């Protein structure tokens, strides 16, 4: 099947869509007071700071491994792209995947040694890990569309993401560790202001739960908030809140 697939179409259809920030980003990357509305219970998961990767499973058993932006390897490849060490970490995982009826895309964060500026937060001895954070499915027919239409379809929510329950089942079936589940709260319990959210993050979620060894610095990147059916998803990162509050303080001093 992979021999007849348009790789540009496959790459576009399986990219991970952008996740909005919980508080809307305004000018110069500063957060505004407009918060993402949630209805129903909110699942909290740790946001791991590494590099985004994907394993694409085709219905005939073929698979591809990609970074956020490009495909890096496929089943049977003799030469692969070593970018960010993704293929070296995930090839064995991809080779053991179950075959499904539709295209399935497993989105993982690869983190640890030499993976981004936050590597020291997760390891002090050069370890590398990965965590599954989402799975999407899509019909093969999507790949027959022009790449421009595929991109618009993807960013418009065309991909079908698994619910929290189905995601846990898929992770168990493939033996993949999920990003840490931090809890489930009612939407009314979420902080609404930037100040409150910053305080909430620092009080409860400062330490990572995915350190790879005892020498890791251990600071988390933030929290992802999602409904159980994944109809709403947003991220809250420590650095966004720290930057916003610092700018507000500086502005107040100059007045």
Foldseek 3Di string as FASTA:
>chain_A
DVVPFDQLLVQLLQAAADFAAQFHQDPPLAGDLDGDADAAKKWKFFDAPFWKKKWKAAQVGKIWIGTNRHTFDIPPDPDTDCPQNRCVQCVVLSNQDDHDDFIKMWMKGKAAAPGDPQNLQADDPGDIDMATEWMWTDHPVSSVDPSVVSNVCNNVPVTQIAFQVVVVVNCVVSVGHHGGTPDMDGSVPADRGLVVNLVVCVVRPQFGPRRPDPSGSGGTQFMWIAHRSRPHIHTHGNVNSVVNVVVVVVVVVVD
